[in-house]
Amino acid sequence: MASTDTRPSTSHGTSSDGGGPRGTTTIADNVVATIAGIAVRETDGIYALGGSASRALGSVRDRVAKSSDPSRGVKVEVGEVQAAVDVDVIVEYGEPIADDAKEIRTRVTDAVGKMTGLEVVEININVLDVHLPGSDDDESNDESSDRRSERVR
């Protein structure tokens, strides 16, 4: 968790504005993961985040909770002033992966830095798969169940 001290700066042992301590702000790891996940999802060429098992489990959880988890496929380590991010992605076929990775790093660094003030020191991107157009998981499940019902009467 990141903790930001919001006490006024001091010079030679005296407070610059005469006030006392103003408190601290603590940023939870899941906040940084959510910000990073949203930034990655906004990147062109990214089909999904997380591996197939993570997405399947997340799909069930999303239906039960009636909401999606924007931090799925994102892991973070947050220190006092820095954060490291690991992202698992599935890219669209035909997209230049190196360009997508560069765009992800830019978006995540900008979003996390702007919203939290943390310095993002590392972004590891794991490309787990390539999504082919017309090969959505839902379509293939529907087709296989249709074939099964035609075979068995």
N, C-alpha and C. Protein backbone atom coordinates (compact mmCIF):
# COMPACT_ATOMS: atom_id res chain seq x y z
N MET A 1 0.83 -1.18 0.00
CA MET A 1 0.00 0.00 0.00
C MET A 1 0.87 1.24 0.00
N ALA A 2 0.46 2.22 -0.75
CA ALA A 2 1.19 3.47 -0.79
C ALA A 2 0.64 4.39 0.27
N SER A 3 1.53 5.09 0.90
CA SER A 3 1.11 6.04 1.93
C SER A 3 1.76 7.36 1.59
N THR A 4 0.97 8.39 1.48
CA THR A 4 1.47 9.69 1.12
C THR A 4 1.34 10.62 2.32
N ASP A 5 2.45 11.17 2.74
CA ASP A 5 2.44 12.09 3.87
C ASP A 5 2.02 13.46 3.35
N THR A 6 1.01 14.03 3.95
CA THR A 6 0.52 15.32 3.46
C THR A 6 0.84 16.45 4.43
N ARG A 7 1.85 16.24 5.27
CA ARG A 7 2.25 17.32 6.15
C ARG A 7 2.93 18.39 5.32
N PRO A 8 2.79 19.63 5.70
CA PRO A 8 3.46 20.68 4.94
C PRO A 8 4.97 20.52 5.03
N SER A 9 5.66 20.95 3.98
CA SER A 9 7.11 20.84 3.98
C SER A 9 7.71 21.76 5.04
N THR A 10 8.84 21.35 5.55
CA THR A 10 9.47 22.16 6.60
C THR A 10 10.82 22.66 6.13
N SER A 11 11.21 23.77 6.66
CA SER A 11 12.51 24.34 6.37
C SER A 11 13.16 24.73 7.69
N HIS A 12 14.29 24.15 7.99
CA HIS A 12 15.01 24.42 9.23
C HIS A 12 14.16 24.16 10.46
N GLY A 13 13.34 23.13 10.43
CA GLY A 13 12.60 22.73 11.60
C GLY A 13 11.32 23.50 11.84
N THR A 14 10.94 24.42 11.00
CA THR A 14 9.68 25.15 11.20
C THR A 14 8.76 24.88 10.04
N SER A 15 7.49 24.88 10.30
CA SER A 15 6.51 24.60 9.26
C SER A 15 6.34 25.82 8.38
N SER A 16 6.21 25.61 7.09
CA SER A 16 6.11 26.73 6.16
C SER A 16 4.79 27.47 6.28
N ASP A 17 3.70 26.78 6.74
CA ASP A 17 2.44 27.49 6.83
C ASP A 17 1.94 27.58 8.27
N GLY A 18 2.77 27.15 9.23
CA GLY A 18 2.40 27.28 10.63
C GLY A 18 1.42 26.22 11.11
N GLY A 19 0.94 25.33 10.23
CA GLY A 19 -0.02 24.31 10.63
C GLY A 19 0.67 23.07 11.14
N GLY A 20 -0.08 22.20 11.78
CA GLY A 20 0.45 20.93 12.28
C GLY A 20 0.29 19.85 11.23
N PRO A 21 0.44 18.60 11.66
CA PRO A 21 0.28 17.51 10.71
C PRO A 21 -1.14 17.48 10.14
N ARG A 22 -1.23 17.17 8.86
CA ARG A 22 -2.54 17.17 8.22
C ARG A 22 -3.02 15.77 7.92
N GLY A 23 -2.21 14.76 8.21
CA GLY A 23 -2.64 13.38 7.99
C GLY A 23 -1.91 12.70 6.87
N THR A 24 -2.33 11.46 6.60
CA THR A 24 -1.72 10.67 5.53
C THR A 24 -2.82 10.15 4.62
N THR A 25 -2.44 9.83 3.41
CA THR A 25 -3.34 9.21 2.44
C THR A 25 -2.75 7.85 2.09
N THR A 26 -3.55 6.82 2.22
CA THR A 26 -3.10 5.47 1.91
C THR A 26 -3.84 4.98 0.68
N ILE A 27 -3.10 4.47 -0.29
CA ILE A 27 -3.69 3.98 -1.54
C ILE A 27 -3.53 2.46 -1.56
N ALA A 28 -4.64 1.74 -1.59
CA ALA A 28 -4.63 0.28 -1.57
C ALA A 28 -4.14 -0.27 -2.91
N ASP A 29 -3.56 -1.46 -2.87
CA ASP A 29 -3.07 -2.11 -4.08
C ASP A 29 -4.18 -2.28 -5.12
N ASN A 30 -5.39 -2.66 -4.67
CA ASN A 30 -6.47 -2.89 -5.63
C ASN A 30 -6.89 -1.61 -6.35
N VAL A 31 -6.65 -0.45 -5.74
CA VAL A 31 -6.95 0.82 -6.41
C VAL A 31 -6.00 1.00 -7.59
N VAL A 32 -4.73 0.75 -7.37
CA VAL A 32 -3.74 0.87 -8.44
C VAL A 32 -4.02 -0.17 -9.53
N ALA A 33 -4.39 -1.39 -9.13
CA ALA A 33 -4.70 -2.43 -10.11
C ALA A 33 -5.91 -2.05 -10.95
N THR A 34 -6.91 -1.46 -10.33
CA THR A 34 -8.11 -1.03 -11.07
C THR A 34 -7.77 0.07 -12.08
N ILE A 35 -7.00 1.05 -11.64
CA ILE A 35 -6.59 2.14 -12.53
C ILE A 35 -5.80 1.58 -13.71
N ALA A 36 -4.86 0.70 -13.44
CA ALA A 36 -4.04 0.10 -14.50
C ALA A 36 -4.90 -0.73 -15.45
N GLY A 37 -5.83 -1.52 -14.89
CA GLY A 37 -6.70 -2.35 -15.72
C GLY A 37 -7.56 -1.54 -16.67
N ILE A 38 -8.10 -0.45 -16.18
CA ILE A 38 -8.92 0.42 -17.03
C ILE A 38 -8.06 1.02 -18.14
N ALA A 39 -6.85 1.46 -17.79
CA ALA A 39 -5.95 2.05 -18.79
C ALA A 39 -5.60 1.04 -19.87
N VAL A 40 -5.37 -0.22 -19.49
CA VAL A 40 -5.03 -1.25 -20.48
C VAL A 40 -6.23 -1.53 -21.37
N ARG A 41 -7.42 -1.62 -20.80
CA ARG A 41 -8.62 -1.91 -21.59
C ARG A 41 -8.92 -0.82 -22.61
N GLU A 42 -8.47 0.40 -22.35
CA GLU A 42 -8.68 1.51 -23.29
C GLU A 42 -7.69 1.49 -24.45
N THR A 43 -6.76 0.55 -24.45
CA THR A 43 -5.74 0.46 -25.49
C THR A 43 -6.29 -0.29 -26.70
N ASP A 44 -6.16 0.31 -27.88
CA ASP A 44 -6.57 -0.36 -29.11
C ASP A 44 -5.71 -1.60 -29.31
N GLY A 45 -6.33 -2.66 -29.82
CA GLY A 45 -5.60 -3.88 -30.11
C GLY A 45 -5.61 -4.89 -28.98
N ILE A 46 -6.16 -4.51 -27.83
CA ILE A 46 -6.25 -5.44 -26.70
C ILE A 46 -7.65 -6.03 -26.70
N TYR A 47 -7.72 -7.37 -26.80
CA TYR A 47 -9.01 -8.05 -26.81
C TYR A 47 -9.53 -8.25 -25.39
N ALA A 48 -8.65 -8.72 -24.49
CA ALA A 48 -9.08 -9.01 -23.11
C ALA A 48 -7.87 -9.03 -22.20
N LEU A 49 -8.14 -8.98 -20.91
CA LEU A 49 -7.10 -9.12 -19.89
C LEU A 49 -7.29 -10.43 -19.16
N GLY A 50 -6.19 -11.03 -18.75
CA GLY A 50 -6.25 -12.28 -18.00
C GLY A 50 -6.21 -13.47 -18.94
N GLY A 51 -5.84 -14.63 -18.36
CA GLY A 51 -5.83 -15.87 -19.11
C GLY A 51 -7.22 -16.46 -19.21
N SER A 52 -7.34 -17.57 -19.91
CA SER A 52 -8.66 -18.17 -20.11
C SER A 52 -9.29 -18.62 -18.79
N ALA A 53 -8.50 -19.18 -17.88
CA ALA A 53 -9.05 -19.60 -16.58
C ALA A 53 -9.50 -18.39 -15.78
N SER A 54 -8.69 -17.35 -15.78
CA SER A 54 -9.03 -16.12 -15.06
C SER A 54 -10.29 -15.49 -15.64
N ARG A 55 -10.39 -15.49 -16.97
CA ARG A 55 -11.57 -14.89 -17.60
C ARG A 55 -12.81 -15.72 -17.36
N ALA A 56 -12.68 -17.06 -17.36
CA ALA A 56 -13.84 -17.93 -17.10
C ALA A 56 -14.34 -17.74 -15.67
N LEU A 57 -13.42 -17.76 -14.71
CA LEU A 57 -13.80 -17.55 -13.32
C LEU A 57 -14.37 -16.15 -13.13
N GLY A 58 -13.75 -15.17 -13.76
CA GLY A 58 -14.22 -13.79 -13.66
C GLY A 58 -15.60 -13.62 -14.28
N SER A 59 -15.87 -14.33 -15.36
CA SER A 59 -17.18 -14.26 -16.00
C SER A 59 -18.28 -14.75 -15.06
N VAL A 60 -18.00 -15.84 -14.37
CA VAL A 60 -18.98 -16.36 -13.40
C VAL A 60 -19.16 -15.36 -12.26
N ARG A 61 -18.04 -14.84 -11.76
CA ARG A 61 -18.09 -13.87 -10.66
C ARG A 61 -18.84 -12.61 -11.10
N ASP A 62 -18.63 -12.17 -12.34
CA ASP A 62 -19.31 -10.97 -12.86
C ASP A 62 -20.81 -11.18 -12.92
N ARG A 63 -21.24 -12.38 -13.33
CA ARG A 63 -22.68 -12.65 -13.41
C ARG A 63 -23.31 -12.65 -12.03
N VAL A 64 -22.62 -13.25 -11.06
CA VAL A 64 -23.14 -13.32 -9.70
C VAL A 64 -23.17 -11.92 -9.07
N ALA A 65 -22.09 -11.18 -9.21
CA ALA A 65 -21.99 -9.85 -8.60
C ALA A 65 -22.65 -8.77 -9.44
N LYS A 66 -23.02 -9.10 -10.68
CA LYS A 66 -23.62 -8.15 -11.62
C LYS A 66 -22.73 -6.93 -11.86
N SER A 67 -21.42 -7.16 -11.87
CA SER A 67 -20.47 -6.11 -12.21
C SER A 67 -19.19 -6.78 -12.72
N SER A 68 -18.40 -6.02 -13.45
CA SER A 68 -17.14 -6.58 -13.96
C SER A 68 -15.99 -6.11 -13.08
N ASP A 69 -14.91 -6.88 -13.09
CA ASP A 69 -13.74 -6.57 -12.29
C ASP A 69 -12.69 -5.95 -13.19
N PRO A 70 -12.50 -4.64 -13.11
CA PRO A 70 -11.53 -3.99 -13.99
C PRO A 70 -10.08 -4.35 -13.69
N SER A 71 -9.82 -4.98 -12.55
CA SER A 71 -8.44 -5.34 -12.22
C SER A 71 -8.10 -6.77 -12.61
N ARG A 72 -9.02 -7.48 -13.27
CA ARG A 72 -8.75 -8.85 -13.71
C ARG A 72 -7.57 -8.84 -14.67
N GLY A 73 -6.61 -9.75 -14.44
CA GLY A 73 -5.43 -9.84 -15.30
C GLY A 73 -4.34 -8.85 -14.93
N VAL A 74 -4.51 -8.13 -13.82
CA VAL A 74 -3.52 -7.14 -13.40
C VAL A 74 -3.06 -7.45 -11.98
N LYS A 75 -1.76 -7.48 -11.80
CA LYS A 75 -1.18 -7.63 -10.46
C LYS A 75 -0.27 -6.43 -10.22
N VAL A 76 -0.27 -5.92 -9.00
CA VAL A 76 0.57 -4.77 -8.69
C VAL A 76 1.32 -4.99 -7.39
N GLU A 77 2.44 -4.33 -7.29
CA GLU A 77 3.18 -4.19 -6.04
C GLU A 77 3.31 -2.70 -5.81
N VAL A 78 2.81 -2.25 -4.66
CA VAL A 78 2.81 -0.82 -4.38
C VAL A 78 3.67 -0.55 -3.15
N GLY A 79 4.59 0.36 -3.30
CA GLY A 79 5.43 0.79 -2.19
C GLY A 79 5.01 2.16 -1.71
N GLU A 80 5.90 2.83 -1.01
CA GLU A 80 5.59 4.17 -0.48
C GLU A 80 5.41 5.20 -1.59
N VAL A 81 6.28 5.16 -2.60
CA VAL A 81 6.23 6.17 -3.66
C VAL A 81 6.29 5.56 -5.06
N GLN A 82 6.39 4.22 -5.15
CA GLN A 82 6.53 3.57 -6.45
C GLN A 82 5.58 2.39 -6.58
N ALA A 83 5.31 2.02 -7.82
CA ALA A 83 4.47 0.85 -8.09
C ALA A 83 5.06 0.08 -9.26
N ALA A 84 4.88 -1.24 -9.22
CA ALA A 84 5.24 -2.13 -10.32
C ALA A 84 3.96 -2.85 -10.74
N VAL A 85 3.78 -3.03 -12.04
CA VAL A 85 2.54 -3.59 -12.57
C VAL A 85 2.85 -4.77 -13.49
N ASP A 86 2.10 -5.87 -13.32
CA ASP A 86 2.15 -7.02 -14.23
C ASP A 86 0.79 -7.16 -14.88
N VAL A 87 0.76 -7.30 -16.21
CA VAL A 87 -0.50 -7.36 -16.94
C VAL A 87 -0.49 -8.58 -17.86
N ASP A 88 -1.57 -9.36 -17.82
CA ASP A 88 -1.77 -10.49 -18.74
C ASP A 88 -2.81 -10.06 -19.77
N VAL A 89 -2.44 -10.10 -21.06
CA VAL A 89 -3.35 -9.63 -22.10
C VAL A 89 -3.51 -10.64 -23.22
N ILE A 90 -4.61 -10.50 -23.92
CA ILE A 90 -4.86 -11.21 -25.17
C ILE A 90 -5.02 -10.13 -26.23
N VAL A 91 -4.21 -10.22 -27.28
CA VAL A 91 -4.22 -9.18 -28.31
C VAL A 91 -5.06 -9.62 -29.49
N GLU A 92 -5.52 -8.64 -30.24
CA GLU A 92 -6.26 -8.91 -31.48
C GLU A 92 -5.26 -9.34 -32.56
N TYR A 93 -5.65 -10.31 -33.38
CA TYR A 93 -4.81 -10.77 -34.47
C TYR A 93 -4.54 -9.61 -35.43
N GLY A 94 -3.29 -9.49 -35.87
CA GLY A 94 -2.91 -8.46 -36.83
C GLY A 94 -2.39 -7.19 -36.19
N GLU A 95 -2.54 -7.06 -34.89
CA GLU A 95 -2.04 -5.88 -34.19
C GLU A 95 -0.54 -6.01 -33.93
N PRO A 96 0.20 -4.94 -34.11
CA PRO A 96 1.64 -5.00 -33.80
C PRO A 96 1.82 -5.03 -32.27
N ILE A 97 2.25 -6.17 -31.76
CA ILE A 97 2.33 -6.38 -30.31
C ILE A 97 3.30 -5.40 -29.65
N ALA A 98 4.41 -5.12 -30.29
CA ALA A 98 5.39 -4.19 -29.70
C ALA A 98 4.78 -2.80 -29.54
N ASP A 99 4.00 -2.36 -30.54
CA ASP A 99 3.34 -1.05 -30.44
C ASP A 99 2.27 -1.06 -29.36
N ASP A 100 1.52 -2.16 -29.27
CA ASP A 100 0.51 -2.29 -28.22
C ASP A 100 1.16 -2.21 -26.84
N ALA A 101 2.27 -2.90 -26.68
CA ALA A 101 2.98 -2.91 -25.39
C ALA A 101 3.46 -1.51 -25.01
N LYS A 102 3.98 -0.80 -25.99
CA LYS A 102 4.43 0.57 -25.74
C LYS A 102 3.25 1.46 -25.33
N GLU A 103 2.12 1.30 -26.01
CA GLU A 103 0.92 2.08 -25.69
C GLU A 103 0.40 1.73 -24.29
N ILE A 104 0.42 0.46 -23.94
CA ILE A 104 -0.01 0.04 -22.60
C ILE A 104 0.87 0.69 -21.54
N ARG A 105 2.18 0.64 -21.74
CA ARG A 105 3.10 1.23 -20.76
C ARG A 105 2.86 2.73 -20.60
N THR A 106 2.63 3.41 -21.70
CA THR A 106 2.37 4.85 -21.64
C THR A 106 1.07 5.14 -20.90
N ARG A 107 0.01 4.44 -21.27
CA ARG A 107 -1.30 4.67 -20.65
C ARG A 107 -1.29 4.36 -19.15
N VAL A 108 -0.70 3.23 -18.78
CA VAL A 108 -0.68 2.84 -17.36
C VAL A 108 0.16 3.82 -16.55
N THR A 109 1.33 4.16 -17.05
CA THR A 109 2.20 5.10 -16.35
C THR A 109 1.50 6.44 -16.15
N ASP A 110 0.87 6.95 -17.20
CA ASP A 110 0.18 8.23 -17.11
C ASP A 110 -1.00 8.18 -16.15
N ALA A 111 -1.83 7.14 -16.26
CA ALA A 111 -3.04 7.05 -15.42
C ALA A 111 -2.69 6.87 -13.95
N VAL A 112 -1.79 5.93 -13.66
CA VAL A 112 -1.43 5.68 -12.25
C VAL A 112 -0.72 6.90 -11.68
N GLY A 113 0.20 7.48 -12.43
CA GLY A 113 0.92 8.66 -11.95
C GLY A 113 0.00 9.84 -11.70
N LYS A 114 -0.90 10.08 -12.63
CA LYS A 114 -1.82 11.23 -12.50
C LYS A 114 -2.79 11.05 -11.34
N MET A 115 -3.34 9.84 -11.20
CA MET A 115 -4.37 9.63 -10.18
C MET A 115 -3.83 9.39 -8.78
N THR A 116 -2.62 8.80 -8.68
CA THR A 116 -2.11 8.43 -7.35
C THR A 116 -0.84 9.18 -6.95
N GLY A 117 -0.13 9.73 -7.93
CA GLY A 117 1.14 10.37 -7.62
C GLY A 117 2.29 9.37 -7.49
N LEU A 118 2.01 8.07 -7.70
CA LEU A 118 3.05 7.06 -7.62
C LEU A 118 3.87 7.01 -8.90
N GLU A 119 5.14 6.73 -8.75
CA GLU A 119 6.01 6.54 -9.91
C GLU A 119 5.92 5.06 -10.31
N VAL A 120 5.54 4.79 -11.54
CA VAL A 120 5.48 3.42 -12.04
C VAL A 120 6.88 3.07 -12.56
N VAL A 121 7.53 2.14 -11.86
CA VAL A 121 8.92 1.82 -12.19
C VAL A 121 9.06 0.63 -13.12
N GLU A 122 7.98 -0.16 -13.24
CA GLU A 122 8.08 -1.37 -14.07
C GLU A 122 6.68 -1.79 -14.49
N ILE A 123 6.55 -2.14 -15.78
CA ILE A 123 5.30 -2.71 -16.29
C ILE A 123 5.68 -3.93 -17.12
N ASN A 124 5.35 -5.10 -16.60
CA ASN A 124 5.62 -6.36 -17.30
C ASN A 124 4.33 -6.78 -18.00
N ILE A 125 4.44 -7.02 -19.30
CA ILE A 125 3.27 -7.38 -20.10
C ILE A 125 3.45 -8.81 -20.61
N ASN A 126 2.52 -9.67 -20.24
CA ASN A 126 2.52 -11.06 -20.69
C ASN A 126 1.43 -11.23 -21.74
N VAL A 127 1.81 -11.46 -22.97
CA VAL A 127 0.84 -11.70 -24.04
C VAL A 127 0.55 -13.19 -24.02
N LEU A 128 -0.67 -13.54 -23.60
CA LEU A 128 -1.03 -14.94 -23.40
C LEU A 128 -1.64 -15.60 -24.63
N ASP A 129 -2.24 -14.80 -25.51
CA ASP A 129 -2.92 -15.39 -26.66
C ASP A 129 -3.20 -14.32 -27.69
N VAL A 130 -3.60 -14.76 -28.86
CA VAL A 130 -4.03 -13.88 -29.95
C VAL A 130 -5.48 -14.23 -30.26
N HIS A 131 -6.34 -13.22 -30.25
CA HIS A 131 -7.75 -13.43 -30.57
C HIS A 131 -7.95 -13.32 -32.07
N LEU A 132 -8.56 -14.36 -32.64
CA LEU A 132 -8.85 -14.35 -34.07
C LEU A 132 -10.26 -13.81 -34.29
N PRO A 133 -10.45 -12.96 -35.29
CA PRO A 133 -11.79 -12.42 -35.55
C PRO A 133 -12.78 -13.55 -35.80
N GLY A 134 -13.95 -13.44 -35.20
CA GLY A 134 -15.00 -14.43 -35.38
C GLY A 134 -14.85 -15.66 -34.52
N SER A 135 -13.88 -15.67 -33.61
CA SER A 135 -13.70 -16.85 -32.77
C SER A 135 -14.01 -16.55 -31.30
N ASP A 136 -15.08 -15.80 -31.07
CA ASP A 136 -15.47 -15.47 -29.70
C ASP A 136 -15.82 -16.73 -28.93
N ASP A 137 -15.50 -16.75 -27.65
CA ASP A 137 -15.75 -17.91 -26.80
C ASP A 137 -17.23 -18.25 -26.76
N ASP A 138 -18.10 -17.24 -26.69
CA ASP A 138 -19.54 -17.49 -26.61
C ASP A 138 -20.05 -18.19 -27.86
N GLU A 139 -19.56 -17.77 -29.03
CA GLU A 139 -20.00 -18.38 -30.28
C GLU A 139 -19.60 -19.84 -30.33
N SER A 140 -18.38 -20.16 -29.94
CA SER A 140 -17.92 -21.54 -30.02
C SER A 140 -18.69 -22.42 -29.05
N ASN A 141 -19.04 -21.91 -27.87
CA ASN A 141 -19.83 -22.69 -26.92
C ASN A 141 -21.23 -22.94 -27.46
N ASP A 142 -21.82 -21.94 -28.10
CA ASP A 142 -23.16 -22.11 -28.67
C ASP A 142 -23.14 -23.13 -29.80
N GLU A 143 -22.11 -23.06 -30.66
CA GLU A 143 -22.01 -23.99 -31.77
C GLU A 143 -21.84 -25.42 -31.27
N SER A 144 -21.00 -25.63 -30.28
CA SER A 144 -20.77 -26.99 -29.79
C SER A 144 -22.02 -27.56 -29.14
N SER A 145 -22.80 -26.72 -28.45
CA SER A 145 -24.03 -27.22 -27.84
C SER A 145 -25.07 -27.51 -28.91
N ASP A 146 -25.08 -26.74 -30.02
CA ASP A 146 -26.00 -27.00 -31.12
C ASP A 146 -25.65 -28.33 -31.79
N ARG A 147 -24.34 -28.58 -32.01
CA ARG A 147 -23.91 -29.83 -32.62
C ARG A 147 -24.26 -31.01 -31.73
N ARG A 148 -24.10 -30.85 -30.46
CA ARG A 148 -24.40 -31.93 -29.53
C ARG A 148 -25.90 -32.26 -29.57
N SER A 149 -26.74 -31.22 -29.61
CA SER A 149 -28.18 -31.47 -29.63
C SER A 149 -28.62 -32.09 -30.96
N GLU A 150 -27.90 -31.82 -32.06
CA GLU A 150 -28.23 -32.44 -33.34
C GLU A 150 -27.79 -33.90 -33.37
N ARG A 151 -26.71 -34.23 -32.71
CA ARG A 151 -26.20 -35.59 -32.71
C ARG A 151 -27.01 -36.52 -31.81
N VAL A 152 -27.39 -36.01 -30.66
CA VAL A 152 -28.06 -36.84 -29.67
C VAL A 152 -29.53 -36.46 -29.64
N ARG A 153 -30.39 -37.45 -29.81
CA ARG A 153 -31.82 -37.18 -29.79
C ARG A 153 -32.48 -37.95 -28.71
